[in-house]
Amino acid sequence: GALLSAIGIAGMDRLVRFNVLATSGRAVEAAGDV
């Protein structure tokens, strides 16, 4: 419960550091289920 939000934010941050912007966490998660 304490780490759930941090995990999602960090996932988007990894994309940003990879020079990719996602409009929402949904897009990042969908990428993992492609």
Full PDB file with SEQRES, HELIX, SHEET, SSBOND, CRYST1, ORIGX, SCALE, CONECT and MASTER records, all heavy atoms in Angstrom:
SEQRES   1 A   34  GLY ALA LEU LEU SER ALA ILE GLY ILE ALA GLY MET ASP          
SEQRES   2 A   34  ARG LEU VAL ARG PHE ASN VAL LEU ALA THR SER GLY ARG          
SEQRES   3 A   34  ALA VAL GLU ALA ALA GLY ASP VAL                              
HELIX    1 AA1 LEU A    4  ARG A   17  1                                  14    
HELIX    2 AA2 GLY A   25  GLY A   32  1                                   8    
CRYST1    1.000    1.000    1.000  90.00  90.00  90.00 P 1           1          
ORIGX1      1.000000  0.000000  0.000000        0.00000                         
ORIGX2      0.000000  1.000000  0.000000        0.00000                         
ORIGX3      0.000000  0.000000  1.000000        0.00000                         
SCALE1      1.000000  0.000000  0.000000        0.00000                         
SCALE2      0.000000  1.000000  0.000000        0.00000                         
SCALE3      0.000000  0.000000  1.000000        0.00000                         
ATOM      1  N   GLY A   1       0.822  -1.211   0.000  1.00  0.00           N  
ATOM      2  CA  GLY A   1       0.000   0.000   0.000  1.00  0.00           C  
ATOM      3  C   GLY A   1       0.849   1.251   0.000  1.00  0.00           C  
ATOM      4  O   GLY A   1       0.515   2.253  -0.634  1.00  0.00           O  
ATOM      5  N   ALA A   2       1.983   1.189   0.714  1.00  0.00           N  
ATOM      6  CA  ALA A   2       2.868   2.348   0.789  1.00  0.00           C  
ATOM      7  C   ALA A   2       3.646   2.565  -0.504  1.00  0.00           C  
ATOM      8  O   ALA A   2       3.969   3.701  -0.860  1.00  0.00           O  
ATOM      9  CB  ALA A   2       3.840   2.162   1.953  1.00  0.00           C  
ATOM     10  N   LEU A   3       3.957   1.484  -1.216  1.00  0.00           N  
ATOM     11  CA  LEU A   3       4.843   1.586  -2.381  1.00  0.00           C  
ATOM     12  C   LEU A   3       4.113   1.588  -3.716  1.00  0.00           C  
ATOM     13  O   LEU A   3       4.727   1.831  -4.758  1.00  0.00           O  
ATOM     14  CB  LEU A   3       5.843   0.426  -2.366  1.00  0.00           C  
ATOM     15  CG  LEU A   3       6.794   0.374  -1.161  1.00  0.00           C  
ATOM     16  CD1 LEU A   3       7.598  -0.915  -1.179  1.00  0.00           C  
ATOM     17  CD2 LEU A   3       7.713   1.578  -1.152  1.00  0.00           C  
ATOM     18  N   LEU A   4       2.805   1.310  -3.714  1.00  0.00           N  
ATOM     19  CA  LEU A   4       2.077   1.140  -4.974  1.00  0.00           C  
ATOM     20  C   LEU A   4       2.151   2.381  -5.851  1.00  0.00           C  
ATOM     21  O   LEU A   4       2.440   2.302  -7.052  1.00  0.00           O  
ATOM     22  CB  LEU A   4       0.618   0.782  -4.674  1.00  0.00           C  
ATOM     23  CG  LEU A   4      -0.251   0.411  -5.874  1.00  0.00           C  
ATOM     24  CD1 LEU A   4       0.329  -0.778  -6.613  1.00  0.00           C  
ATOM     25  CD2 LEU A   4      -1.675   0.113  -5.423  1.00  0.00           C  
ATOM     26  N   SER A   5       1.909   3.544  -5.275  1.00  0.00           N  
ATOM     27  CA  SER A   5       1.943   4.783  -6.066  1.00  0.00           C  
ATOM     28  C   SER A   5       3.351   5.070  -6.575  1.00  0.00           C  
ATOM     29  O   SER A   5       3.537   5.470  -7.727  1.00  0.00           O  
ATOM     30  CB  SER A   5       1.438   5.951  -5.217  1.00  0.00           C  
ATOM     31  OG  SER A   5       1.485   7.158  -5.951  1.00  0.00           O  
ATOM     32  N   ALA A   6       4.355   4.841  -5.708  1.00  0.00           N  
ATOM     33  CA  ALA A   6       5.746   5.100  -6.113  1.00  0.00           C  
ATOM     34  C   ALA A   6       6.151   4.217  -7.282  1.00  0.00           C  
ATOM     35  O   ALA A   6       6.878   4.654  -8.178  1.00  0.00           O  
ATOM     36  CB  ALA A   6       6.680   4.873  -4.927  1.00  0.00           C  
ATOM     37  N   ILE A   7       5.679   2.961  -7.300  1.00  0.00           N  
ATOM     38  CA  ILE A   7       6.017   2.045  -8.396  1.00  0.00           C  
ATOM     39  C   ILE A   7       5.487   2.590  -9.716  1.00  0.00           C  
ATOM     40  O   ILE A   7       6.188   2.594 -10.734  1.00  0.00           O  
ATOM     41  CB  ILE A   7       5.435   0.645  -8.118  1.00  0.00           C  
ATOM     42  CG1 ILE A   7       6.135   0.006  -6.925  1.00  0.00           C  
ATOM     43  CG2 ILE A   7       5.578  -0.256  -9.346  1.00  0.00           C  
ATOM     44  CD1 ILE A   7       5.448  -1.247  -6.406  1.00  0.00           C  
ATOM     45  N   GLY A   8       4.226   3.054  -9.729  1.00  0.00           N  
ATOM     46  CA  GLY A   8       3.636   3.586 -10.954  1.00  0.00           C  
ATOM     47  C   GLY A   8       4.317   4.845 -11.439  1.00  0.00           C  
ATOM     48  O   GLY A   8       4.607   5.008 -12.629  1.00  0.00           O  
ATOM     49  N   ILE A   9       4.607   5.763 -10.508  1.00  0.00           N  
ATOM     50  CA  ILE A   9       5.280   7.011 -10.880  1.00  0.00           C  
ATOM     51  C   ILE A   9       6.682   6.721 -11.405  1.00  0.00           C  
ATOM     52  O   ILE A   9       7.131   7.304 -12.395  1.00  0.00           O  
ATOM     53  CB  ILE A   9       5.339   7.962  -9.666  1.00  0.00           C  
ATOM     54  CG1 ILE A   9       3.926   8.396  -9.276  1.00  0.00           C  
ATOM     55  CG2 ILE A   9       6.195   9.181  -9.973  1.00  0.00           C  
ATOM     56  CD1 ILE A   9       3.855   9.158  -7.972  1.00  0.00           C  
ATOM     57  N   ALA A  10       7.386   5.793 -10.743  1.00  0.00           N  
ATOM     58  CA  ALA A  10       8.737   5.454 -11.177  1.00  0.00           C  
ATOM     59  C   ALA A  10       8.736   4.828 -12.561  1.00  0.00           C  
ATOM     60  O   ALA A  10       9.669   5.031 -13.347  1.00  0.00           O  
ATOM     61  CB  ALA A  10       9.381   4.497 -10.169  1.00  0.00           C  
ATOM     62  N   GLY A  11       7.680   4.066 -12.902  1.00  0.00           N  
ATOM     63  CA  GLY A  11       7.583   3.485 -14.243  1.00  0.00           C  
ATOM     64  C   GLY A  11       7.505   4.561 -15.302  1.00  0.00           C  
ATOM     65  O   GLY A  11       8.179   4.482 -16.343  1.00  0.00           O  
ATOM     66  N   MET A  12       6.693   5.601 -15.058  1.00  0.00           N  
ATOM     67  CA  MET A  12       6.614   6.711 -16.006  1.00  0.00           C  
ATOM     68  C   MET A  12       7.932   7.472 -16.055  1.00  0.00           C  
ATOM     69  O   MET A  12       8.363   7.929 -17.110  1.00  0.00           O  
ATOM     70  CB  MET A  12       5.464   7.643 -15.627  1.00  0.00           C  
ATOM     71  CG  MET A  12       4.088   7.029 -15.813  1.00  0.00           C  
ATOM     72  SD  MET A  12       2.754   8.213 -15.585  1.00  0.00           S  
ATOM     73  CE  MET A  12       2.997   9.288 -16.992  1.00  0.00           C  
ATOM     74  N   ASP A  13       8.582   7.599 -14.893  1.00  0.00           N  
ATOM     75  CA  ASP A  13       9.857   8.315 -14.857  1.00  0.00           C  
ATOM     76  C   ASP A  13      10.917   7.580 -15.663  1.00  0.00           C  
ATOM     77  O   ASP A  13      11.750   8.202 -16.325  1.00  0.00           O  
ATOM     78  CB  ASP A  13      10.307   8.467 -13.401  1.00  0.00           C  
ATOM     79  CG  ASP A  13      11.631   9.203 -13.286  1.00  0.00           C  
ATOM     80  OD1 ASP A  13      11.689  10.370 -13.721  1.00  0.00           O  
ATOM     81  OD2 ASP A  13      12.607   8.624 -12.785  1.00  0.00           O  
ATOM     82  N   ARG A  14      10.901   6.236 -15.632  1.00  0.00           N  
ATOM     83  CA  ARG A  14      11.867   5.478 -16.435  1.00  0.00           C  
ATOM     84  C   ARG A  14      11.653   5.752 -17.918  1.00  0.00           C  
ATOM     85  O   ARG A  14      12.608   5.835 -18.690  1.00  0.00           O  
ATOM     86  CB  ARG A  14      11.746   3.981 -16.145  1.00  0.00           C  
ATOM     87  CG  ARG A  14      12.504   3.535 -14.912  1.00  0.00           C  
ATOM     88  CD  ARG A  14      12.614   2.031 -14.829  1.00  0.00           C  
ATOM     89  NE  ARG A  14      11.347   1.388 -14.575  1.00  0.00           N  
ATOM     90  CZ  ARG A  14      10.818   1.218 -13.366  1.00  0.00           C  
ATOM     91  NH1 ARG A  14      11.445   1.681 -12.302  1.00  0.00           N  
ATOM     92  NH2 ARG A  14       9.669   0.609 -13.213  1.00  0.00           N  
ATOM     93  N   LEU A  15      10.399   5.895 -18.328  1.00  0.00           N  
ATOM     94  CA  LEU A  15      10.127   6.229 -19.723  1.00  0.00           C  
ATOM     95  C   LEU A  15      10.647   7.624 -20.053  1.00  0.00           C  
ATOM     96  O   LEU A  15      11.225   7.849 -21.114  1.00  0.00           O  
ATOM     97  CB  LEU A  15       8.626   6.163 -20.000  1.00  0.00           C  
ATOM     98  CG  LEU A  15       8.039   4.820 -20.415  1.00  0.00           C  
ATOM     99  CD1 LEU A  15       6.555   4.962 -20.693  1.00  0.00           C  
ATOM    100  CD2 LEU A  15       8.741   4.251 -21.632  1.00  0.00           C  
ATOM    101  N   VAL A  16      10.430   8.576 -19.135  1.00  0.00           N  
ATOM    102  CA  VAL A  16      10.895   9.953 -19.369  1.00  0.00           C  
ATOM    103  C   VAL A  16      12.412   9.977 -19.514  1.00  0.00           C  
ATOM    104  O   VAL A  16      12.954  10.627 -20.407  1.00  0.00           O  
ATOM    105  CB  VAL A  16      10.439  10.884 -18.219  1.00  0.00           C  
ATOM    106  CG1 VAL A  16      11.126  12.233 -18.314  1.00  0.00           C  
ATOM    107  CG2 VAL A  16       8.928  11.068 -18.253  1.00  0.00           C  
ATOM    108  N   ARG A  17      13.116   9.232 -18.635  1.00  0.00           N  
ATOM    109  CA  ARG A  17      14.576   9.181 -18.732  1.00  0.00           C  
ATOM    110  C   ARG A  17      15.016   8.471 -19.996  1.00  0.00           C  
ATOM    111  O   ARG A  17      16.159   8.586 -20.421  1.00  0.00           O  
ATOM    112  CB  ARG A  17      15.151   8.502 -17.487  1.00  0.00           C  
ATOM    113  CG  ARG A  17      15.070   9.384 -16.258  1.00  0.00           C  
ATOM    114  CD  ARG A  17      15.789   8.773 -15.063  1.00  0.00           C  
ATOM    115  NE  ARG A  17      14.986   7.767 -14.389  1.00  0.00           N  
ATOM    116  CZ  ARG A  17      15.275   6.486 -14.381  1.00  0.00           C  
ATOM    117  NH1 ARG A  17      16.327   6.034 -15.025  1.00  0.00           N  
ATOM    118  NH2 ARG A  17      14.512   5.623 -13.730  1.00  0.00           N  
ATOM    119  N   PHE A  18      14.098   7.724 -20.610  1.00  0.00           N  
ATOM    120  CA  PHE A  18      14.377   7.045 -21.866  1.00  0.00           C  
ATOM    121  C   PHE A  18      13.904   7.891 -23.041  1.00  0.00           C  
ATOM    122  O   PHE A  18      13.823   7.424 -24.176  1.00  0.00           O  
ATOM    123  CB  PHE A  18      13.663   5.687 -21.869  1.00  0.00           C  
ATOM    124  CG  PHE A  18      14.381   4.621 -22.633  1.00  0.00           C  
ATOM    125  CD1 PHE A  18      15.556   4.078 -22.139  1.00  0.00           C  
ATOM    126  CD2 PHE A  18      13.906   4.168 -23.851  1.00  0.00           C  
ATOM    127  CE1 PHE A  18      16.217   3.096 -22.831  1.00  0.00           C  
ATOM    128  CE2 PHE A  18      14.563   3.190 -24.556  1.00  0.00           C  
ATOM    129  CZ  PHE A  18      15.714   2.647 -24.042  1.00  0.00           C  
ATOM    130  N   ASN A  19      13.545   9.149 -22.754  1.00  0.00           N  
ATOM    131  CA  ASN A  19      13.086  10.096 -23.765  1.00  0.00           C  
ATOM    132  C   ASN A  19      11.751   9.688 -24.406  1.00  0.00           C  
ATOM    133  O   ASN A  19      11.532   9.916 -25.595  1.00  0.00           O  
ATOM    134  CB  ASN A  19      14.142  10.300 -24.858  1.00  0.00           C  
ATOM    135  CG  ASN A  19      15.277  11.183 -24.389  1.00  0.00           C  
ATOM    136  OD1 ASN A  19      15.154  11.848 -23.366  1.00  0.00           O  
ATOM    137  ND2 ASN A  19      16.365  11.185 -25.102  1.00  0.00           N  
ATOM    138  N   VAL A  20      10.883   9.085 -23.606  1.00  0.00           N  
ATOM    139  CA  VAL A  20       9.535   8.757 -24.062  1.00  0.00           C  
ATOM    140  C   VAL A  20       8.551   9.329 -23.060  1.00  0.00           C  
ATOM    141  O   VAL A  20       8.711   9.143 -21.854  1.00  0.00           O  
ATOM    142  CB  VAL A  20       9.319   7.233 -24.188  1.00  0.00           C  
ATOM    143  CG1 VAL A  20       7.892   6.923 -24.599  1.00  0.00           C  
ATOM    144  CG2 VAL A  20      10.287   6.646 -25.203  1.00  0.00           C  
ATOM    145  N   LEU A  21       7.540  10.030 -23.552  1.00  0.00           N  
ATOM    146  CA  LEU A  21       6.499  10.586 -22.690  1.00  0.00           C  
ATOM    147  C   LEU A  21       5.217   9.792 -22.861  1.00  0.00           C  
ATOM    148  O   LEU A  21       4.767   9.562 -23.984  1.00  0.00           O  
ATOM    149  CB  LEU A  21       6.242  12.051 -23.035  1.00  0.00           C  
ATOM    150  CG  LEU A  21       7.416  13.010 -22.851  1.00  0.00           C  
ATOM    151  CD1 LEU A  21       6.979  14.426 -23.171  1.00  0.00           C  
ATOM    152  CD2 LEU A  21       7.972  12.930 -21.444  1.00  0.00           C  
ATOM    153  N   ALA A  22       4.636   9.378 -21.752  1.00  0.00           N  
ATOM    154  CA  ALA A  22       3.355   8.674 -21.783  1.00  0.00           C  
ATOM    155  C   ALA A  22       2.285   9.594 -21.227  1.00  0.00           C  
ATOM    156  O   ALA A  22       2.513  10.314 -20.253  1.00  0.00           O  
ATOM    157  CB  ALA A  22       3.425   7.397 -20.955  1.00  0.00           C  
ATOM    158  N   THR A  23       1.111   9.596 -21.839  1.00  0.00           N  
ATOM    159  CA  THR A  23       0.047  10.490 -21.391  1.00  0.00           C  
ATOM    160  C   THR A  23      -0.561  10.038 -20.079  1.00  0.00           C  
ATOM    161  O   THR A  23      -1.199  10.821 -19.395  1.00  0.00           O  
ATOM    162  CB  THR A  23      -1.066  10.582 -22.449  1.00  0.00           C  
ATOM    163  OG1 THR A  23      -1.579   9.256 -22.706  1.00  0.00           O  
ATOM    164  CG2 THR A  23      -0.536  11.164 -23.745  1.00  0.00           C  
ATOM    165  N   SER A  24      -0.389   8.777 -19.698  1.00  0.00           N  
ATOM    166  CA  SER A  24      -0.920   8.280 -18.433  1.00  0.00           C  
ATOM    167  C   SER A  24      -0.244   6.972 -18.085  1.00  0.00           C  
ATOM    168  O   SER A  24       0.421   6.351 -18.916  1.00  0.00           O  
ATOM    169  CB  SER A  24      -2.438   8.063 -18.519  1.00  0.00           C  
ATOM    170  OG  SER A  24      -2.723   6.924 -19.317  1.00  0.00           O  
ATOM    171  N   GLY A  25      -0.439   6.557 -16.828  1.00  0.00           N  
ATOM    172  CA  GLY A  25       0.086   5.274 -16.408  1.00  0.00           C  
ATOM    173  C   GLY A  25      -0.529   4.123 -17.174  1.00  0.00           C  
ATOM    174  O   GLY A  25       0.081   3.062 -17.304  1.00  0.00           O  
ATOM    175  N   ARG A  26      -1.743   4.322 -17.691  1.00  0.00           N  
ATOM    176  CA  ARG A  26      -2.400   3.266 -18.464  1.00  0.00           C  
ATOM    177  C   ARG A  26      -1.552   2.846 -19.664  1.00  0.00           C  
ATOM    178  O   ARG A  26      -1.466   1.665 -19.992  1.00  0.00           O  
ATOM    179  CB  ARG A  26      -3.767   3.748 -18.957  1.00  0.00           C  
ATOM    180  CG  ARG A  26      -4.866   3.697 -17.928  1.00  0.00           C  
ATOM    181  CD  ARG A  26      -6.220   3.959 -18.590  1.00  0.00           C  
ATOM    182  NE  ARG A  26      -7.307   3.856 -17.630  1.00  0.00           N  
ATOM    183  CZ  ARG A  26      -7.781   4.854 -16.920  1.00  0.00           C  
ATOM    184  NH1 ARG A  26      -7.239   6.050 -17.052  1.00  0.00           N  
ATOM    185  NH2 ARG A  26      -8.773   4.682 -16.068  1.00  0.00           N  
ATOM    186  N   ALA A  27      -0.951   3.841 -20.323  1.00  0.00           N  
ATOM    187  CA  ALA A  27      -0.161   3.536 -21.514  1.00  0.00           C  
ATOM    188  C   ALA A  27       1.056   2.697 -21.156  1.00  0.00           C  
ATOM    189  O   ALA A  27       1.413   1.765 -21.874  1.00  0.00           O  
ATOM    190  CB  ALA A  27       0.271   4.837 -22.199  1.00  0.00           C  
ATOM    191  N   VAL A  28       1.709   3.026 -20.031  1.00  0.00           N  
ATOM    192  CA  VAL A  28       2.890   2.270 -19.614  1.00  0.00           C  
ATOM    193  C   VAL A  28       2.495   0.835 -19.287  1.00  0.00           C  
ATOM    194  O   VAL A  28       3.159  -0.126 -19.681  1.00  0.00           O  
ATOM    195  CB  VAL A  28       3.552   2.924 -18.384  1.00  0.00           C  
ATOM    196  CG1 VAL A  28       4.871   2.228 -18.061  1.00  0.00           C  
ATOM    197  CG2 VAL A  28       3.787   4.405 -18.631  1.00  0.00           C  
ATOM    198  N   GLU A  29       1.403   0.687 -18.541  1.00  0.00           N  
ATOM    199  CA  GLU A  29       0.966  -0.648 -18.159  1.00  0.00           C  
ATOM    200  C   GLU A  29       0.539  -1.462 -19.374  1.00  0.00           C  
ATOM    201  O   GLU A  29       0.826  -2.662 -19.480  1.00  0.00           O  
ATOM    202  CB  GLU A  29      -0.201  -0.544 -17.174  1.00  0.00           C  
ATOM    203  CG  GLU A  29      -0.614  -1.876 -16.591  1.00  0.00           C  
ATOM    204  CD  GLU A  29      -1.646  -1.697 -15.504  1.00  0.00           C  
ATOM    205  OE1 GLU A  29      -1.261  -1.273 -14.402  1.00  0.00           O  
ATOM    206  OE2 GLU A  29      -2.823  -1.980 -15.760  1.00  0.00           O  
ATOM    207  N   ALA A  30      -0.163  -0.803 -20.313  1.00  0.00           N  
ATOM    208  CA  ALA A  30      -0.595  -1.509 -21.523  1.00  0.00           C  
ATOM    209  C   ALA A  30       0.614  -2.021 -22.303  1.00  0.00           C  
ATOM    210  O   ALA A  30       0.574  -3.106 -22.892  1.00  0.00           O  
ATOM    211  CB  ALA A  30      -1.446  -0.599 -22.399  1.00  0.00           C  
ATOM    212  N   ALA A  31       1.707  -1.237 -22.289  1.00  0.00           N  
ATOM    213  CA  ALA A  31       2.922  -1.673 -22.992  1.00  0.00           C  
ATOM    214  C   ALA A  31       3.436  -2.987 -22.425  1.00  0.00           C  
ATOM    215  O   ALA A  31       3.970  -3.830 -23.150  1.00  0.00           O  
ATOM    216  CB  ALA A  31       4.001  -0.597 -22.898  1.00  0.00           C  
ATOM    217  N   GLY A  32       3.282  -3.173 -21.120  1.00  0.00           N  
ATOM    218  CA  GLY A  32       3.741  -4.407 -20.506  1.00  0.00           C  
ATOM    219  C   GLY A  32       2.882  -5.602 -20.829  1.00  0.00           C  
ATOM    220  O   GLY A  32       3.315  -6.749 -20.668  1.00  0.00           O  
ATOM    221  N   ASP A  33       1.651  -5.363 -21.295  1.00  0.00           N  
ATOM    222  CA  ASP A  33       0.726  -6.458 -21.605  1.00  0.00           C  
ATOM    223  C   ASP A  33       0.538  -6.668 -23.107  1.00  0.00           C  
ATOM    224  O   ASP A  33      -0.346  -7.404 -23.530  1.00  0.00           O  
ATOM    225  CB  ASP A  33      -0.646  -6.180 -20.979  1.00  0.00           C  
ATOM    226  CG  ASP A  33      -0.676  -6.537 -19.506  1.00  0.00           C  
ATOM    227  OD1 ASP A  33       0.081  -7.438 -19.118  1.00  0.00           O  
ATOM    228  OD2 ASP A  33      -1.436  -5.916 -18.752  1.00  0.00           O  
ATOM    229  N   VAL A  34       1.364  -6.005 -23.928  1.00  0.00           N  
ATOM    230  CA  VAL A  34       1.197  -6.058 -25.384  1.00  0.00           C  
ATOM    231  C   VAL A  34       1.351  -7.487 -25.903  1.00  0.00           C  
ATOM    232  O   VAL A  34       2.229  -8.235 -25.487  1.00  0.00           O  
ATOM    233  CB  VAL A  34       2.221  -5.118 -26.062  1.00  0.00           C  
ATOM    234  CG1 VAL A  34       2.440  -5.484 -27.518  1.00  0.00           C  
ATOM    235  CG2 VAL A  34       1.758  -3.678 -25.944  1.00  0.00           C  
TER     236      VAL A  34                                                      
MASTER        0    0    0    2    0    0    0    6  235    1    0    3          
END                                                                             
